[in-house]
Protein backbone atom coordinates (compact mmCIF):
# COMPACT_ATOMS: atom_id res chain seq x y z
CA MET A 1 0.00 -0.14 0.06
CA ALA A 2 1.22 3.42 -0.90
CA ASP A 3 1.77 5.84 2.14
CA VAL A 4 0.52 9.41 2.38
CA SER A 5 3.91 10.76 0.72
CA TYR A 6 3.28 8.82 -2.50
CA TYR A 7 -0.21 10.50 -2.81
CA ARG A 8 1.36 13.88 -2.16
CA GLU A 9 4.00 13.20 -4.65
CA ARG A 10 1.68 12.13 -7.36
CA ALA A 11 -0.49 15.36 -6.60
CA ASN A 12 2.54 17.54 -7.03
CA HIS A 13 3.48 15.83 -10.28
CA LEU A 14 -0.01 16.09 -11.66
CA ARG A 15 0.11 19.90 -10.91
CA ARG A 16 3.51 20.33 -12.65
CA LEU A 17 2.16 18.59 -15.55
CA ALA A 18 -0.89 20.78 -15.65
CA GLU A 19 1.40 23.92 -15.58
CA MET A 20 3.31 22.68 -18.76
CA THR A 21 0.45 21.81 -20.90
CA TRP A 22 -1.22 24.33 -23.30
CA GLN A 23 -4.46 22.48 -23.52
CA GLY A 24 -7.10 23.90 -21.25
CA GLU A 25 -9.29 20.82 -20.70
CA LEU A 26 -6.22 18.73 -20.05
CA GLU A 27 -4.99 21.18 -17.63
CA VAL A 28 -8.42 21.15 -15.70
CA SER A 29 -8.39 17.41 -15.69
CA LEU A 30 -4.86 17.11 -14.36
CA ARG A 31 -5.67 19.61 -11.61
CA ARG A 32 -8.79 17.57 -10.82
CA LEU A 33 -6.73 14.23 -10.35
CA ALA A 34 -4.19 16.29 -8.25
CA GLU A 35 -7.13 17.28 -5.93
CA ASP A 36 -8.18 13.65 -5.69
CA TYR A 37 -4.72 12.47 -4.81
CA ASP A 38 -4.60 15.20 -1.97
CA GLU A 39 -7.89 14.24 -0.76
CA THR A 40 -6.88 10.61 -0.66
CA ALA A 41 -3.55 11.70 1.27
CA ASP A 42 -5.60 13.57 3.77
CA ASP A 43 -8.13 11.03 4.32
CA LEU A 44 -5.30 8.23 4.78
CA GLU A 45 -3.40 10.68 7.09
CA SER A 46 -6.61 11.27 9.27
CA PHE A 47 -7.40 7.71 9.46
CA LEU A 48 -3.91 6.50 10.43
CA ASP A 49 -3.88 9.54 13.13
CA ARG A 50 -6.95 8.29 14.52
CA TRP A 51 -6.12 4.70 14.75
CA LEU A 52 -2.39 4.96 15.70
CA LYS A 53 -3.24 6.49 19.13
CA PRO A 54 -1.93 4.47 21.92
CA ASP A 55 -5.25 4.27 23.59
CA VAL A 56 -6.96 2.46 20.69
CA THR A 57 -7.54 -1.06 21.83
CA ASP A 58 -6.97 -4.38 20.01
CA GLN A 59 -10.80 -4.74 20.33
CA GLN A 60 -11.53 -1.49 18.62
CA LEU A 61 -9.24 -2.56 15.64
CA GLU A 62 -10.98 -5.80 15.55
CA ASP A 63 -14.34 -4.01 15.46
CA LEU A 64 -13.15 -1.84 12.68
CA TRP A 65 -12.11 -4.91 10.83
CA THR A 66 -15.53 -6.44 11.40
CA ALA A 67 -17.34 -3.28 10.34
CA SER A 68 -15.21 -3.23 6.95
CA SER A 69 -17.09 -6.37 5.97
CA ALA A 70 -20.41 -4.49 6.14
CA ASP A 71 -22.19 -3.75 2.79
CA PHE A 72 -21.35 -0.04 2.66
CA PHE A 73 -17.62 -0.72 2.45
CA LEU A 74 -18.13 -3.16 -0.30
CA LEU A 75 -19.53 -0.55 -2.79
CA GLY A 76 -16.05 -0.11 -4.30
CA ASP A 77 -13.88 -2.96 -5.54
CA SER A 78 -10.72 -1.27 -4.25
CA VAL A 79 -12.11 -0.44 -0.60
CA ARG A 80 -11.77 -3.83 1.03
CA PRO A 81 -8.15 -4.60 -0.11
CA PHE A 82 -7.11 -0.97 0.68
CA LEU A 83 -8.70 -1.28 4.18
CA THR A 84 -6.98 -4.59 4.65
CA GLN A 85 -3.53 -3.13 3.79
CA VAL A 86 -4.20 -0.07 6.19
CA LEU A 87 -5.20 -2.34 9.05
CA GLN A 88 -2.14 -4.55 8.57
CA ARG A 89 -0.10 -1.48 8.48
CA LEU A 90 -1.69 -0.22 11.71
CA GLN A 91 -1.10 -3.53 13.48
CA GLU A 92 2.61 -3.28 12.35
CA ARG A 93 3.07 0.10 13.44
CA ARG A 94 1.27 -0.45 16.87
CA GLY A 95 3.56 -3.54 17.36
CA GLN A 96 6.55 -1.07 16.73
CA ASN A 97 5.15 1.40 19.08
CA SER A 98 4.62 -0.89 21.91
CA ALA A 99 8.10 -2.50 21.50
CA SER A 100 9.73 0.99 21.84
């Protein structure tokens, strides 16, 4: 799974491409894509900040995992694999934080 910096770098790259093009429609499309990448980075950052807190219990993470099976999470094909990767990364980070 890509981390927040990946999405920020992609957004910046798309903005640079938008500045270089002389085609108005392409520029607008590239800027919209850059905004989407920024929003994804913001969402991921907020999610990780919320769930990396030391007071989040293993039960809460398990409840989040269970909730991810709900129908509203299955609307997009990429949501479940993405959430799986995020939760795995959270578990790894929490393990590193508790080992410190």
